[in-house]
């Protein structure tokens, strides 16, 4: 496998990982599992409501920074960084 293919495969793996986390937090926790999660409380709010209103946004912002950090590491590893 060429270096270019390995880089692209690692990038796709990272994107899929981030998208799965985002899906689980926003769709499963915020919509499908909201009734179960509402039995728990976080800061005075029902947990399902919190995930639907705040948790998915916080998770998305954290995933942006995580993706940027991991892509910088991948870029250095495969020699395609911009320095």
N, C-alpha and C. Protein backbone atom coordinates (compact mmCIF):
# COMPACT_ATOMS: atom_id res chain seq x y z
N UNK A 1 0.84 -1.16 0.00
CA UNK A 1 0.00 0.00 0.00
C UNK A 1 0.90 1.25 0.00
N UNK A 2 0.56 2.21 -0.81
CA UNK A 2 1.38 3.40 -0.90
C UNK A 2 1.19 4.29 0.33
N UNK A 3 2.12 5.23 0.49
CA UNK A 3 2.05 6.16 1.60
C UNK A 3 0.79 7.02 1.52
N UNK A 4 0.42 7.38 0.32
CA UNK A 4 -0.78 8.19 0.10
C UNK A 4 -2.05 7.42 0.52
N UNK A 5 -2.12 6.17 0.15
CA UNK A 5 -3.26 5.34 0.54
C UNK A 5 -3.33 5.14 2.05
N UNK A 6 -2.18 4.93 2.67
CA UNK A 6 -2.15 4.76 4.13
C UNK A 6 -2.62 6.03 4.84
N UNK A 7 -2.20 7.18 4.34
CA UNK A 7 -2.61 8.46 4.92
C UNK A 7 -4.12 8.63 4.79
N UNK A 8 -4.65 8.35 3.62
CA UNK A 8 -6.09 8.51 3.39
C UNK A 8 -6.89 7.53 4.24
N UNK A 9 -6.40 6.31 4.37
CA UNK A 9 -7.09 5.31 5.19
C UNK A 9 -7.11 5.73 6.66
N UNK A 10 -6.00 6.27 7.15
CA UNK A 10 -5.95 6.75 8.53
C UNK A 10 -6.89 7.93 8.73
N UNK A 11 -6.96 8.81 7.74
CA UNK A 11 -7.85 9.96 7.81
C UNK A 11 -9.31 9.51 7.84
N UNK A 12 -9.68 8.57 7.00
CA UNK A 12 -11.05 8.05 6.98
C UNK A 12 -11.42 7.37 8.29
N UNK A 13 -10.48 6.62 8.84
CA UNK A 13 -10.71 5.94 10.11
C UNK A 13 -10.99 6.96 11.22
N UNK A 14 -10.22 8.04 11.23
CA UNK A 14 -10.41 9.10 12.22
C UNK A 14 -11.76 9.80 12.02
N UNK A 15 -12.13 10.07 10.78
CA UNK A 15 -13.42 10.72 10.51
C UNK A 15 -14.59 9.83 10.94
N UNK A 16 -14.51 8.56 10.64
CA UNK A 16 -15.58 7.64 11.02
C UNK A 16 -15.69 7.56 12.55
N UNK A 17 -14.57 7.51 13.22
CA UNK A 17 -14.56 7.48 14.68
C UNK A 17 -15.26 8.72 15.25
N UNK A 18 -14.92 9.90 14.75
CA UNK A 18 -15.54 11.14 15.22
C UNK A 18 -17.03 11.19 14.89
N UNK A 19 -17.40 10.75 13.71
CA UNK A 19 -18.80 10.77 13.32
C UNK A 19 -19.65 9.79 14.14
N UNK A 20 -19.08 8.66 14.49
CA UNK A 20 -19.81 7.70 15.32
C UNK A 20 -20.05 8.29 16.71
N UNK A 21 -19.05 8.92 17.28
CA UNK A 21 -19.23 9.55 18.59
C UNK A 21 -20.29 10.64 18.51
N UNK A 22 -20.23 11.47 17.47
CA UNK A 22 -21.20 12.54 17.32
C UNK A 22 -22.61 11.98 17.14
N UNK A 23 -22.74 10.91 16.37
CA UNK A 23 -24.05 10.27 16.17
C UNK A 23 -24.60 9.73 17.48
N UNK A 24 -23.76 9.04 18.23
CA UNK A 24 -24.21 8.45 19.49
C UNK A 24 -24.69 9.54 20.45
N UNK A 25 -23.91 10.60 20.57
CA UNK A 25 -24.26 11.66 21.52
C UNK A 25 -25.48 12.44 21.07
N UNK A 26 -25.51 12.83 19.79
CA UNK A 26 -26.61 13.70 19.35
C UNK A 26 -27.89 12.93 19.05
N UNK A 27 -27.80 11.82 18.36
CA UNK A 27 -29.01 11.11 17.95
C UNK A 27 -29.48 10.11 19.01
N UNK A 28 -28.58 9.24 19.44
CA UNK A 28 -29.00 8.21 20.41
C UNK A 28 -29.31 8.83 21.77
N UNK A 29 -28.36 9.60 22.32
CA UNK A 29 -28.57 10.18 23.65
C UNK A 29 -29.60 11.30 23.63
N UNK A 30 -29.63 12.10 22.58
CA UNK A 30 -30.51 13.25 22.53
C UNK A 30 -31.91 12.95 22.05
N UNK A 31 -32.11 11.81 21.34
CA UNK A 31 -33.44 11.52 20.79
C UNK A 31 -33.96 10.15 21.22
N UNK A 32 -33.24 9.10 20.89
CA UNK A 32 -33.76 7.75 21.13
C UNK A 32 -33.72 7.32 22.59
N UNK A 33 -32.66 7.67 23.30
CA UNK A 33 -32.52 7.23 24.69
C UNK A 33 -32.89 8.32 25.69
N UNK A 34 -33.57 9.36 25.21
CA UNK A 34 -33.85 10.51 26.08
C UNK A 34 -34.72 10.13 27.28
N UNK A 35 -35.67 9.27 27.11
CA UNK A 35 -36.55 8.89 28.23
C UNK A 35 -35.77 8.17 29.32
N UNK A 36 -34.90 7.25 28.93
CA UNK A 36 -34.07 6.55 29.92
C UNK A 36 -33.11 7.51 30.60
N UNK A 37 -32.44 8.36 29.81
CA UNK A 37 -31.46 9.29 30.38
C UNK A 37 -32.11 10.35 31.26
N UNK A 38 -33.39 10.63 31.04
CA UNK A 38 -34.08 11.63 31.87
C UNK A 38 -34.29 11.16 33.30
N UNK A 39 -34.05 9.89 33.58
CA UNK A 39 -34.14 9.41 34.96
C UNK A 39 -32.95 9.87 35.79
N UNK A 40 -31.89 10.35 35.12
CA UNK A 40 -30.69 10.86 35.79
C UNK A 40 -30.67 12.38 35.67
N UNK A 41 -29.97 13.02 36.57
CA UNK A 41 -29.88 14.49 36.54
C UNK A 41 -28.43 14.93 36.48
N UNK A 42 -28.21 16.04 35.78
CA UNK A 42 -26.88 16.65 35.66
C UNK A 42 -27.05 18.15 35.87
N UNK A 43 -26.54 18.66 36.98
CA UNK A 43 -26.66 20.08 37.28
C UNK A 43 -28.10 20.54 37.44
N UNK A 44 -28.97 19.68 37.93
CA UNK A 44 -30.36 20.04 38.13
C UNK A 44 -31.26 19.79 36.93
N UNK A 45 -30.68 19.41 35.79
CA UNK A 45 -31.45 19.15 34.57
C UNK A 45 -31.49 17.66 34.30
N UNK A 46 -32.54 17.23 33.65
CA UNK A 46 -32.62 15.83 33.23
C UNK A 46 -31.53 15.57 32.20
N UNK A 47 -30.86 14.43 32.34
CA UNK A 47 -29.69 14.15 31.50
C UNK A 47 -30.05 14.06 30.02
N UNK A 48 -31.18 13.47 29.67
CA UNK A 48 -31.58 13.40 28.27
C UNK A 48 -31.81 14.78 27.68
N UNK A 49 -32.45 15.65 28.44
CA UNK A 49 -32.65 17.03 28.00
C UNK A 49 -31.32 17.73 27.84
N UNK A 50 -30.41 17.52 28.79
CA UNK A 50 -29.09 18.15 28.71
C UNK A 50 -28.34 17.73 27.46
N UNK A 51 -28.36 16.43 27.15
CA UNK A 51 -27.68 15.96 25.94
C UNK A 51 -28.30 16.57 24.69
N UNK A 52 -29.61 16.67 24.66
CA UNK A 52 -30.29 17.22 23.49
C UNK A 52 -29.99 18.70 23.32
N UNK A 53 -29.85 19.44 24.42
CA UNK A 53 -29.68 20.88 24.33
C UNK A 53 -28.22 21.33 24.39
N UNK A 54 -27.42 20.73 25.24
CA UNK A 54 -26.06 21.20 25.46
C UNK A 54 -24.99 20.15 25.14
N UNK A 55 -25.24 18.92 25.54
CA UNK A 55 -24.22 17.88 25.43
C UNK A 55 -23.75 17.64 24.02
N UNK A 56 -24.67 17.64 23.07
CA UNK A 56 -24.26 17.39 21.68
C UNK A 56 -23.42 18.54 21.14
N UNK A 57 -23.71 19.77 21.56
CA UNK A 57 -22.92 20.92 21.11
C UNK A 57 -21.52 20.86 21.72
N UNK A 58 -21.43 20.60 23.03
CA UNK A 58 -20.12 20.49 23.67
C UNK A 58 -19.30 19.36 23.05
N UNK A 59 -19.94 18.25 22.80
CA UNK A 59 -19.25 17.12 22.19
C UNK A 59 -18.74 17.48 20.81
N UNK A 60 -19.55 18.19 20.03
CA UNK A 60 -19.13 18.60 18.69
C UNK A 60 -17.91 19.51 18.75
N UNK A 61 -17.88 20.46 19.66
CA UNK A 61 -16.74 21.37 19.79
C UNK A 61 -15.49 20.59 20.21
N UNK A 62 -15.63 19.67 21.16
CA UNK A 62 -14.49 18.85 21.58
C UNK A 62 -13.99 17.99 20.41
N UNK A 63 -14.91 17.44 19.62
CA UNK A 63 -14.51 16.64 18.47
C UNK A 63 -13.76 17.46 17.43
N UNK A 64 -14.11 18.72 17.26
CA UNK A 64 -13.38 19.58 16.33
C UNK A 64 -11.92 19.71 16.75
N UNK A 65 -11.71 20.01 18.03
CA UNK A 65 -10.34 20.15 18.52
C UNK A 65 -9.59 18.81 18.50
N UNK A 66 -10.27 17.73 18.84
CA UNK A 66 -9.65 16.40 18.79
C UNK A 66 -9.24 16.04 17.36
N UNK A 67 -10.13 16.29 16.40
CA UNK A 67 -9.83 15.99 14.99
C UNK A 67 -8.64 16.81 14.51
N UNK A 68 -8.61 18.08 14.86
CA UNK A 68 -7.50 18.94 14.46
C UNK A 68 -6.18 18.45 15.05
N UNK A 69 -6.19 18.08 16.32
CA UNK A 69 -4.98 17.59 16.98
C UNK A 69 -4.49 16.29 16.34
N UNK A 70 -5.43 15.34 16.11
CA UNK A 70 -5.04 14.06 15.51
C UNK A 70 -4.57 14.22 14.06
N UNK A 71 -5.22 15.12 13.31
CA UNK A 71 -4.80 15.34 11.92
C UNK A 71 -3.41 15.97 11.87
N UNK A 72 -3.09 16.84 12.79
CA UNK A 72 -1.74 17.40 12.84
C UNK A 72 -0.71 16.30 13.10
N UNK A 73 -1.06 15.36 13.99
CA UNK A 73 -0.16 14.24 14.24
C UNK A 73 -0.02 13.36 12.99
N UNK A 74 -1.14 13.10 12.31
CA UNK A 74 -1.08 12.29 11.08
C UNK A 74 -0.28 13.00 9.99
N UNK A 75 -0.48 14.30 9.86
CA UNK A 75 0.27 15.06 8.86
C UNK A 75 1.77 14.97 9.10
N UNK A 76 2.18 15.10 10.37
CA UNK A 76 3.62 14.98 10.68
C UNK A 76 4.11 13.57 10.41
N UNK A 77 3.30 12.58 10.76
CA UNK A 77 3.70 11.18 10.57
C UNK A 77 3.94 10.86 9.09
N UNK A 78 3.07 11.39 8.22
CA UNK A 78 3.18 11.08 6.79
C UNK A 78 3.91 12.17 6.01
N UNK A 79 4.43 13.17 6.70
CA UNK A 79 5.25 14.18 6.05
C UNK A 79 4.47 15.14 5.15
N UNK A 80 3.24 15.43 5.49
CA UNK A 80 2.45 16.37 4.68
C UNK A 80 2.02 17.58 5.50
N UNK A 81 2.75 17.84 6.60
CA UNK A 81 2.40 18.97 7.44
C UNK A 81 2.85 20.29 6.80
N UNK A 82 2.21 21.38 7.22
CA UNK A 82 2.49 22.68 6.66
C UNK A 82 3.31 23.50 7.64
N UNK A 83 4.64 23.34 7.60
CA UNK A 83 5.49 24.11 8.49
C UNK A 83 6.44 24.94 7.70
